[in-house]
Amino acid sequence: RPRERLILRYEDLTSERGVYLISDVIRFF
């Protein structure tokens, strides 16, 4: 595995938690 990775499953992305998870994506970048 890479030292840093973020995994996002489509079913989680499109769930009610989607905005929260995309916040994690923003912070990852």
Full PDB file with SEQRES, HELIX, SHEET, SSBOND, CRYST1, ORIGX, SCALE, CONECT and MASTER records, all heavy atoms in Angstrom:
SEQRES   1 A   29  ARG PRO ARG GLU ARG LEU ILE LEU ARG TYR GLU ASP LEU          
SEQRES   2 A   29  THR SER GLU ARG GLY VAL TYR LEU ILE SER ASP VAL ILE          
SEQRES   3 A   29  ARG PHE PHE                                                  
HELIX    1 AA1 TYR A   10  LEU A   13  1                                   4    
HELIX    2 AA2 GLY A   18  PHE A   28  1                                  11    
CRYST1    1.000    1.000    1.000  90.00  90.00  90.00 P 1           1          
ORIGX1      1.000000  0.000000  0.000000        0.00000                         
ORIGX2      0.000000  1.000000  0.000000        0.00000                         
ORIGX3      0.000000  0.000000  1.000000        0.00000                         
SCALE1      1.000000  0.000000  0.000000        0.00000                         
SCALE2      0.000000  1.000000  0.000000        0.00000                         
SCALE3      0.000000  0.000000  1.000000        0.00000                         
ATOM      1  N   ARG A   1       0.827  -1.199   0.000  1.00  0.00           N  
ATOM      2  CA  ARG A   1       0.000   0.000   0.000  1.00  0.00           C  
ATOM      3  C   ARG A   1       0.864   1.254   0.000  1.00  0.00           C  
ATOM      4  O   ARG A   1       1.973   1.244   0.534  1.00  0.00           O  
ATOM      5  CB  ARG A   1      -0.898   0.014   1.244  1.00  0.00           C  
ATOM      6  CG  ARG A   1      -1.808  -1.191   1.338  1.00  0.00           C  
ATOM      7  CD  ARG A   1      -2.629  -1.175   2.603  1.00  0.00           C  
ATOM      8  NE  ARG A   1      -3.488  -2.343   2.704  1.00  0.00           N  
ATOM      9  CZ  ARG A   1      -4.340  -2.570   3.685  1.00  0.00           C  
ATOM     10  NH1 ARG A   1      -4.441  -1.690   4.682  1.00  0.00           N  
ATOM     11  NH2 ARG A   1      -5.092  -3.658   3.693  1.00  0.00           N  
ATOM     12  N   PRO A   2       0.345   2.339  -0.592  1.00  0.00           N  
ATOM     13  CA  PRO A   2       1.050   3.627  -0.470  1.00  0.00           C  
ATOM     14  C   PRO A   2       0.996   4.106   0.973  1.00  0.00           C  
ATOM     15  O   PRO A   2       0.142   3.676   1.755  1.00  0.00           O  
ATOM     16  CB  PRO A   2       0.256   4.551  -1.402  1.00  0.00           C  
ATOM     17  CG  PRO A   2      -1.099   3.932  -1.453  1.00  0.00           C  
ATOM     18  CD  PRO A   2      -0.895   2.452  -1.369  1.00  0.00           C  
ATOM     19  N   ARG A   3       1.897   4.991   1.340  1.00  0.00           N  
ATOM     20  CA  ARG A   3       1.928   5.496   2.715  1.00  0.00           C  
ATOM     21  C   ARG A   3       0.655   6.252   3.067  1.00  0.00           C  
ATOM     22  O   ARG A   3       0.219   6.242   4.212  1.00  0.00           O  
ATOM     23  CB  ARG A   3       3.147   6.405   2.907  1.00  0.00           C  
ATOM     24  CG  ARG A   3       4.470   5.649   2.843  1.00  0.00           C  
ATOM     25  CD  ARG A   3       5.630   6.524   3.323  1.00  0.00           C  
ATOM     26  NE  ARG A   3       6.868   5.766   3.287  1.00  0.00           N  
ATOM     27  CZ  ARG A   3       7.727   5.805   2.277  1.00  0.00           C  
ATOM     28  NH1 ARG A   3       7.467   6.578   1.227  1.00  0.00           N  
ATOM     29  NH2 ARG A   3       8.848   5.089   2.306  1.00  0.00           N  
ATOM     30  N   GLU A   4       0.088   6.910   2.084  1.00  0.00           N  
ATOM     31  CA  GLU A   4      -1.175   7.624   2.285  1.00  0.00           C  
ATOM     32  C   GLU A   4      -2.161   7.181   1.211  1.00  0.00           C  
ATOM     33  O   GLU A   4      -1.821   7.166   0.018  1.00  0.00           O  
ATOM     34  CB  GLU A   4      -0.986   9.133   2.157  1.00  0.00           C  
ATOM     35  CG  GLU A   4      -0.257   9.798   3.290  1.00  0.00           C  
ATOM     36  CD  GLU A   4      -0.250  11.299   3.086  1.00  0.00           C  
ATOM     37  OE1 GLU A   4      -1.251  11.956   3.421  1.00  0.00           O  
ATOM     38  OE2 GLU A   4       0.757  11.798   2.566  1.00  0.00           O  
ATOM     39  N   ARG A   5      -3.355   6.841   1.628  1.00  0.00           N  
ATOM     40  CA  ARG A   5      -4.382   6.535   0.646  1.00  0.00           C  
ATOM     41  C   ARG A   5      -5.747   6.861   1.235  1.00  0.00           C  
ATOM     42  O   ARG A   5      -5.961   6.816   2.445  1.00  0.00           O  
ATOM     43  CB  ARG A   5      -4.336   5.074   0.206  1.00  0.00           C  
ATOM     44  CG  ARG A   5      -4.748   4.071   1.276  1.00  0.00           C  
ATOM     45  CD  ARG A   5      -4.830   2.668   0.721  1.00  0.00           C  
ATOM     46  NE  ARG A   5      -5.349   1.736   1.714  1.00  0.00           N  
ATOM     47  CZ  ARG A   5      -5.658   0.474   1.464  1.00  0.00           C  
ATOM     48  NH1 ARG A   5      -5.472  -0.010   0.245  1.00  0.00           N  
ATOM     49  NH2 ARG A   5      -6.151  -0.297   2.408  1.00  0.00           N  
ATOM     50  N   LEU A   6      -6.655   7.208   0.351  1.00  0.00           N  
ATOM     51  CA  LEU A   6      -8.043   7.439   0.729  1.00  0.00           C  
ATOM     52  C   LEU A   6      -8.891   6.603  -0.210  1.00  0.00           C  
ATOM     53  O   LEU A   6      -8.771   6.719  -1.440  1.00  0.00           O  
ATOM     54  CB  LEU A   6      -8.403   8.920   0.591  1.00  0.00           C  
ATOM     55  CG  LEU A   6      -9.854   9.285   0.924  1.00  0.00           C  
ATOM     56  CD1 LEU A   6     -10.149   9.021   2.409  1.00  0.00           C  
ATOM     57  CD2 LEU A   6     -10.142  10.739   0.582  1.00  0.00           C  
ATOM     58  N   ILE A   7      -9.742   5.750   0.363  1.00  0.00           N  
ATOM     59  CA  ILE A   7     -10.611   4.886  -0.433  1.00  0.00           C  
ATOM     60  C   ILE A   7     -12.037   5.362  -0.288  1.00  0.00           C  
ATOM     61  O   ILE A   7     -12.529   5.564   0.827  1.00  0.00           O  
ATOM     62  CB  ILE A   7     -10.483   3.420   0.011  1.00  0.00           C  
ATOM     63  CG1 ILE A   7      -9.028   2.940  -0.114  1.00  0.00           C  
ATOM     64  CG2 ILE A   7     -11.406   2.530  -0.821  1.00  0.00           C  
ATOM     65  CD1 ILE A   7      -8.807   1.540   0.415  1.00  0.00           C  
ATOM     66  N   LEU A   8     -12.719   5.525  -1.408  1.00  0.00           N  
ATOM     67  CA  LEU A   8     -14.103   5.981  -1.390  1.00  0.00           C  
ATOM     68  C   LEU A   8     -14.954   5.033  -2.228  1.00  0.00           C  
ATOM     69  O   LEU A   8     -14.772   4.908  -3.441  1.00  0.00           O  
ATOM     70  CB  LEU A   8     -14.208   7.403  -1.946  1.00  0.00           C  
ATOM     71  CG  LEU A   8     -15.600   8.034  -1.955  1.00  0.00           C  
ATOM     72  CD1 LEU A   8     -16.188   8.080  -0.543  1.00  0.00           C  
ATOM     73  CD2 LEU A   8     -15.542   9.436  -2.556  1.00  0.00           C  
ATOM     74  N   ARG A   9     -15.883   4.371  -1.573  1.00  0.00           N  
ATOM     75  CA  ARG A   9     -16.797   3.455  -2.244  1.00  0.00           C  
ATOM     76  C   ARG A   9     -17.993   4.239  -2.773  1.00  0.00           C  
ATOM     77  O   ARG A   9     -18.516   5.125  -2.099  1.00  0.00           O  
ATOM     78  CB  ARG A   9     -17.256   2.376  -1.255  1.00  0.00           C  
ATOM     79  CG  ARG A   9     -17.905   1.163  -1.883  1.00  0.00           C  
ATOM     80  CD  ARG A   9     -18.151   0.107  -0.817  1.00  0.00           C  
ATOM     81  NE  ARG A   9     -19.189   0.546   0.103  1.00  0.00           N  
ATOM     82  CZ  ARG A   9     -20.391  -0.026   0.225  1.00  0.00           C  
ATOM     83  NH1 ARG A   9     -20.689  -1.076  -0.519  1.00  0.00           N  
ATOM     84  NH2 ARG A   9     -21.270   0.416   1.086  1.00  0.00           N  
ATOM     85  N   TYR A  10     -18.422   3.915  -3.976  1.00  0.00           N  
ATOM     86  CA  TYR A  10     -19.509   4.645  -4.623  1.00  0.00           C  
ATOM     87  C   TYR A  10     -20.768   4.660  -3.765  1.00  0.00           C  
ATOM     88  O   TYR A  10     -21.444   5.689  -3.653  1.00  0.00           O  
ATOM     89  CB  TYR A  10     -19.809   4.007  -5.984  1.00  0.00           C  
ATOM     90  CG  TYR A  10     -20.936   4.670  -6.736  1.00  0.00           C  
ATOM     91  CD1 TYR A  10     -20.708   5.794  -7.522  1.00  0.00           C  
ATOM     92  CD2 TYR A  10     -22.236   4.162  -6.674  1.00  0.00           C  
ATOM     93  CE1 TYR A  10     -21.740   6.402  -8.220  1.00  0.00           C  
ATOM     94  CE2 TYR A  10     -23.272   4.766  -7.363  1.00  0.00           C  
ATOM     95  CZ  TYR A  10     -23.019   5.881  -8.140  1.00  0.00           C  
ATOM     96  OH  TYR A  10     -24.053   6.481  -8.825  1.00  0.00           O  
ATOM     97  N   GLU A  11     -21.073   3.537  -3.152  1.00  0.00           N  
ATOM     98  CA  GLU A  11     -22.287   3.446  -2.341  1.00  0.00           C  
ATOM     99  C   GLU A  11     -22.230   4.377  -1.124  1.00  0.00           C  
ATOM    100  O   GLU A  11     -23.267   4.871  -0.670  1.00  0.00           O  
ATOM    101  CB  GLU A  11     -22.522   2.009  -1.900  1.00  0.00           C  
ATOM    102  CG  GLU A  11     -23.027   1.092  -3.002  1.00  0.00           C  
ATOM    103  CD  GLU A  11     -21.964   0.692  -4.015  1.00  0.00           C  
ATOM    104  OE1 GLU A  11     -20.753   0.864  -3.730  1.00  0.00           O  
ATOM    105  OE2 GLU A  11     -22.332   0.200  -5.106  1.00  0.00           O  
ATOM    106  N   ASP A  12     -21.032   4.616  -0.615  1.00  0.00           N  
ATOM    107  CA  ASP A  12     -20.870   5.572   0.484  1.00  0.00           C  
ATOM    108  C   ASP A  12     -20.927   7.008  -0.035  1.00  0.00           C  
ATOM    109  O   ASP A  12     -21.511   7.889   0.597  1.00  0.00           O  
ATOM    110  CB  ASP A  12     -19.557   5.322   1.217  1.00  0.00           C  
ATOM    111  CG  ASP A  12     -19.519   3.950   1.880  1.00  0.00           C  
ATOM    112  OD1 ASP A  12     -20.576   3.504   2.358  1.00  0.00           O  
ATOM    113  OD2 ASP A  12     -18.437   3.340   1.908  1.00  0.00           O  
ATOM    114  N   LEU A  13     -20.301   7.230  -1.194  1.00  0.00           N  
ATOM    115  CA  LEU A  13     -20.310   8.560  -1.810  1.00  0.00           C  
ATOM    116  C   LEU A  13     -21.733   9.045  -2.038  1.00  0.00           C  
ATOM    117  O   LEU A  13     -22.046  10.219  -1.805  1.00  0.00           O  
ATOM    118  CB  LEU A  13     -19.548   8.506  -3.140  1.00  0.00           C  
ATOM    119  CG  LEU A  13     -19.683   9.707  -4.073  1.00  0.00           C  
ATOM    120  CD1 LEU A  13     -19.063  10.945  -3.459  1.00  0.00           C  
ATOM    121  CD2 LEU A  13     -19.045   9.399  -5.428  1.00  0.00           C  
ATOM    122  N   THR A  14     -22.612   8.162  -2.502  1.00  0.00           N  
ATOM    123  CA  THR A  14     -23.968   8.561  -2.856  1.00  0.00           C  
ATOM    124  C   THR A  14     -24.968   8.368  -1.710  1.00  0.00           C  
ATOM    125  O   THR A  14     -26.176   8.489  -1.908  1.00  0.00           O  
ATOM    126  CB  THR A  14     -24.451   7.767  -4.089  1.00  0.00           C  
ATOM    127  OG1 THR A  14     -24.313   6.353  -3.835  1.00  0.00           O  
ATOM    128  CG2 THR A  14     -23.634   8.137  -5.314  1.00  0.00           C  
ATOM    129  N   SER A  15     -24.461   8.074  -0.524  1.00  0.00           N  
ATOM    130  CA  SER A  15     -25.326   7.930   0.642  1.00  0.00           C  
ATOM    131  C   SER A  15     -25.552   9.290   1.290  1.00  0.00           C  
ATOM    132  O   SER A  15     -25.029  10.313   0.834  1.00  0.00           O  
ATOM    133  CB  SER A  15     -24.700   6.966   1.657  1.00  0.00           C  
ATOM    134  OG  SER A  15     -23.588   7.576   2.295  1.00  0.00           O  
ATOM    135  N   GLU A  16     -26.285   9.295   2.398  1.00  0.00           N  
ATOM    136  CA  GLU A  16     -26.530  10.548   3.115  1.00  0.00           C  
ATOM    137  C   GLU A  16     -25.246  11.105   3.728  1.00  0.00           C  
ATOM    138  O   GLU A  16     -25.199  12.265   4.131  1.00  0.00           O  
ATOM    139  CB  GLU A  16     -27.585  10.335   4.198  1.00  0.00           C  
ATOM    140  CG  GLU A  16     -27.205   9.303   5.245  1.00  0.00           C  
ATOM    141  CD  GLU A  16     -28.305   9.058   6.257  1.00  0.00           C  
ATOM    142  OE1 GLU A  16     -29.458   9.467   5.999  1.00  0.00           O  
ATOM    143  OE2 GLU A  16     -28.005   8.460   7.305  1.00  0.00           O  
ATOM    144  N   ARG A  17     -24.192  10.278   3.786  1.00  0.00           N  
ATOM    145  CA  ARG A  17     -22.903  10.714   4.317  1.00  0.00           C  
ATOM    146  C   ARG A  17     -22.001  11.293   3.231  1.00  0.00           C  
ATOM    147  O   ARG A  17     -20.856  11.633   3.476  1.00  0.00           O  
ATOM    148  CB  ARG A  17     -22.190   9.534   4.990  1.00  0.00           C  
ATOM    149  CG  ARG A  17     -22.931   8.930   6.149  1.00  0.00           C  
ATOM    150  CD  ARG A  17     -22.266   7.634   6.628  1.00  0.00           C  
ATOM    151  NE  ARG A  17     -20.879   7.838   6.999  1.00  0.00           N  
ATOM    152  CZ  ARG A  17     -19.857   7.169   6.459  1.00  0.00           C  
ATOM    153  NH1 ARG A  17     -20.061   6.274   5.512  1.00  0.00           N  
ATOM    154  NH2 ARG A  17     -18.625   7.395   6.864  1.00  0.00           N  
ATOM    155  N   GLY A  18     -22.517  11.405   2.007  1.00  0.00           N  
ATOM    156  CA  GLY A  18     -21.694  11.778   0.873  1.00  0.00           C  
ATOM    157  C   GLY A  18     -20.939  13.079   1.037  1.00  0.00           C  
ATOM    158  O   GLY A  18     -19.736  13.160   0.770  1.00  0.00           O  
ATOM    159  N   VAL A  19     -21.611  14.124   1.496  1.00  0.00           N  
ATOM    160  CA  VAL A  19     -20.958  15.433   1.652  1.00  0.00           C  
ATOM    161  C   VAL A  19     -19.858  15.351   2.701  1.00  0.00           C  
ATOM    162  O   VAL A  19     -18.768  15.918   2.527  1.00  0.00           O  
ATOM    163  CB  VAL A  19     -21.989  16.513   2.031  1.00  0.00           C  
ATOM    164  CG1 VAL A  19     -21.283  17.832   2.311  1.00  0.00           C  
ATOM    165  CG2 VAL A  19     -23.002  16.695   0.917  1.00  0.00           C  
ATOM    166  N   TYR A  20     -20.118  14.635   3.771  1.00  0.00           N  
ATOM    167  CA  TYR A  20     -19.105  14.457   4.820  1.00  0.00           C  
ATOM    168  C   TYR A  20     -17.868  13.756   4.260  1.00  0.00           C  
ATOM    169  O   TYR A  20     -16.729  14.154   4.541  1.00  0.00           O  
ATOM    170  CB  TYR A  20     -19.702  13.650   5.969  1.00  0.00           C  
ATOM    171  CG  TYR A  20     -18.703  13.196   7.011  1.00  0.00           C  
ATOM    172  CD1 TYR A  20     -18.238  14.073   7.991  1.00  0.00           C  
ATOM    173  CD2 TYR A  20     -18.221  11.887   7.006  1.00  0.00           C  
ATOM    174  CE1 TYR A  20     -17.315  13.653   8.940  1.00  0.00           C  
ATOM    175  CE2 TYR A  20     -17.298  11.466   7.957  1.00  0.00           C  
ATOM    176  CZ  TYR A  20     -16.860  12.347   8.913  1.00  0.00           C  
ATOM    177  OH  TYR A  20     -15.935  11.926   9.844  1.00  0.00           O  
ATOM    178  N   LEU A  21     -18.090  12.734   3.435  1.00  0.00           N  
ATOM    179  CA  LEU A  21     -16.966  11.988   2.878  1.00  0.00           C  
ATOM    180  C   LEU A  21     -16.202  12.808   1.845  1.00  0.00           C  
ATOM    181  O   LEU A  21     -14.979  12.705   1.739  1.00  0.00           O  
ATOM    182  CB  LEU A  21     -17.464  10.680   2.260  1.00  0.00           C  
ATOM    183  CG  LEU A  21     -18.068   9.697   3.265  1.00  0.00           C  
ATOM    184  CD1 LEU A  21     -18.676   8.497   2.548  1.00  0.00           C  
ATOM    185  CD2 LEU A  21     -17.012   9.228   4.264  1.00  0.00           C  
ATOM    186  N   ILE A  22     -16.909  13.625   1.075  1.00  0.00           N  
ATOM    187  CA  ILE A  22     -16.219  14.486   0.116  1.00  0.00           C  
ATOM    188  C   ILE A  22     -15.413  15.551   0.847  1.00  0.00           C  
ATOM    189  O   ILE A  22     -14.374  16.002   0.352  1.00  0.00           O  
ATOM    190  CB  ILE A  22     -17.221  15.095  -0.880  1.00  0.00           C  
ATOM    191  CG1 ILE A  22     -17.791  13.989  -1.775  1.00  0.00           C  
ATOM    192  CG2 ILE A  22     -16.561  16.162  -1.742  1.00  0.00           C  
ATOM    193  CD1 ILE A  22     -18.741  14.474  -2.841  1.00  0.00           C  
ATOM    194  N   SER A  23     -15.840  15.928   2.043  1.00  0.00           N  
ATOM    195  CA  SER A  23     -15.012  16.832   2.856  1.00  0.00           C  
ATOM    196  C   SER A  23     -13.660  16.191   3.141  1.00  0.00           C  
ATOM    197  O   SER A  23     -12.624  16.866   3.119  1.00  0.00           O  
ATOM    198  CB  SER A  23     -15.718  17.156   4.179  1.00  0.00           C  
ATOM    199  OG  SER A  23     -16.886  17.900   3.981  1.00  0.00           O  
ATOM    200  N   ASP A  24     -13.679  14.872   3.392  1.00  0.00           N  
ATOM    201  CA  ASP A  24     -12.419  14.158   3.597  1.00  0.00           C  
ATOM    202  C   ASP A  24     -11.567  14.178   2.329  1.00  0.00           C  
ATOM    203  O   ASP A  24     -10.332  14.274   2.392  1.00  0.00           O  
ATOM    204  CB  ASP A  24     -12.694  12.705   4.004  1.00  0.00           C  
ATOM    205  CG  ASP A  24     -13.260  12.581   5.406  1.00  0.00           C  
ATOM    206  OD1 ASP A  24     -13.108  13.534   6.195  1.00  0.00           O  
ATOM    207  OD2 ASP A  24     -13.851  11.531   5.713  1.00  0.00           O  
ATOM    208  N   VAL A  25     -12.221  14.081   1.169  1.00  0.00           N  
ATOM    209  CA  VAL A  25     -11.497  14.134  -0.106  1.00  0.00           C  
ATOM    210  C   VAL A  25     -10.847  15.503  -0.272  1.00  0.00           C  
ATOM    211  O   VAL A  25      -9.677  15.601  -0.675  1.00  0.00           O  
ATOM    212  CB  VAL A  25     -12.445  13.831  -1.286  1.00  0.00           C  
ATOM    213  CG1 VAL A  25     -11.696  13.977  -2.616  1.00  0.00           C  
ATOM    214  CG2 VAL A  25     -13.041  12.435  -1.159  1.00  0.00           C  
ATOM    215  N   ILE A  26     -11.588  16.554   0.039  1.00  0.00           N  
ATOM    216  CA  ILE A  26     -11.041  17.917  -0.055  1.00  0.00           C  
ATOM    217  C   ILE A  26      -9.787  18.045   0.806  1.00  0.00           C  
ATOM    218  O   ILE A  26      -8.750  18.562   0.364  1.00  0.00           O  
ATOM    219  CB  ILE A  26     -12.094  18.951   0.395  1.00  0.00           C  
ATOM    220  CG1 ILE A  26     -13.322  18.935  -0.524  1.00  0.00           C  
ATOM    221  CG2 ILE A  26     -11.476  20.347   0.476  1.00  0.00           C  
ATOM    222  CD1 ILE A  26     -13.082  19.434  -1.905  1.00  0.00           C  
ATOM    223  N   ARG A  27      -9.874  17.555   2.044  1.00  0.00           N  
ATOM    224  CA  ARG A  27      -8.722  17.650   2.949  1.00  0.00           C  
ATOM    225  C   ARG A  27      -7.573  16.746   2.509  1.00  0.00           C  
ATOM    226  O   ARG A  27      -6.411  17.033   2.815  1.00  0.00           O  
ATOM    227  CB  ARG A  27      -9.163  17.304   4.377  1.00  0.00           C  
ATOM    228  CG  ARG A  27      -9.909  18.429   5.075  1.00  0.00           C  
ATOM    229  CD  ARG A  27     -10.180  18.100   6.527  1.00  0.00           C  
ATOM    230  NE  ARG A  27     -11.217  17.088   6.662  1.00  0.00           N  
ATOM    231  CZ  ARG A  27     -12.509  17.357   6.803  1.00  0.00           C  
ATOM    232  NH1 ARG A  27     -12.923  18.618   6.845  1.00  0.00           N  
ATOM    233  NH2 ARG A  27     -13.397  16.384   6.922  1.00  0.00           N  
ATOM    234  N   PHE A  28      -7.885  15.679   1.803  1.00  0.00           N  
ATOM    235  CA  PHE A  28      -6.833  14.787   1.308  1.00  0.00           C  
ATOM    236  C   PHE A  28      -5.993  15.495   0.247  1.00  0.00           C  
ATOM    237  O   PHE A  28      -4.783  15.304   0.170  1.00  0.00           O  
ATOM    238  CB  PHE A  28      -7.460  13.516   0.736  1.00  0.00           C  
ATOM    239  CG  PHE A  28      -6.482  12.404   0.470  1.00  0.00           C  
ATOM    240  CD1 PHE A  28      -5.862  11.742   1.512  1.00  0.00           C  
ATOM    241  CD2 PHE A  28      -6.186  12.017  -0.831  1.00  0.00           C  
ATOM    242  CE1 PHE A  28      -4.963  10.715   1.279  1.00  0.00           C  
ATOM    243  CE2 PHE A  28      -5.289  10.990  -1.080  1.00  0.00           C  
ATOM    244  CZ  PHE A  28      -4.677  10.334  -0.024  1.00  0.00           C  
ATOM    245  N   PHE A  29      -6.647  16.322  -0.561  1.00  0.00           N  
ATOM    246  CA  PHE A  29      -5.935  17.074  -1.593  1.00  0.00           C  
ATOM    247  C   PHE A  29      -5.282  18.328  -1.037  1.00  0.00           C  
ATOM    248  O   PHE A  29      -4.229  18.747  -1.520  1.00  0.00           O  
ATOM    249  CB  PHE A  29      -6.894  17.455  -2.726  1.00  0.00           C  
ATOM    250  CG  PHE A  29      -7.136  16.353  -3.707  1.00  0.00           C  
ATOM    251  CD1 PHE A  29      -8.068  15.362  -3.455  1.00  0.00           C  
ATOM    252  CD2 PHE A  29      -6.413  16.282  -4.892  1.00  0.00           C  
ATOM    253  CE1 PHE A  29      -8.287  14.332  -4.346  1.00  0.00           C  
ATOM    254  CE2 PHE A  29      -6.620  15.260  -5.800  1.00  0.00           C  
ATOM    255  CZ  PHE A  29      -7.569  14.276  -5.525  1.00  0.00           C  
TER     256      PHE A  29                                                      
MASTER        0    0    0    2    0    0    0    6  255    1    0    3          
END                                                                             
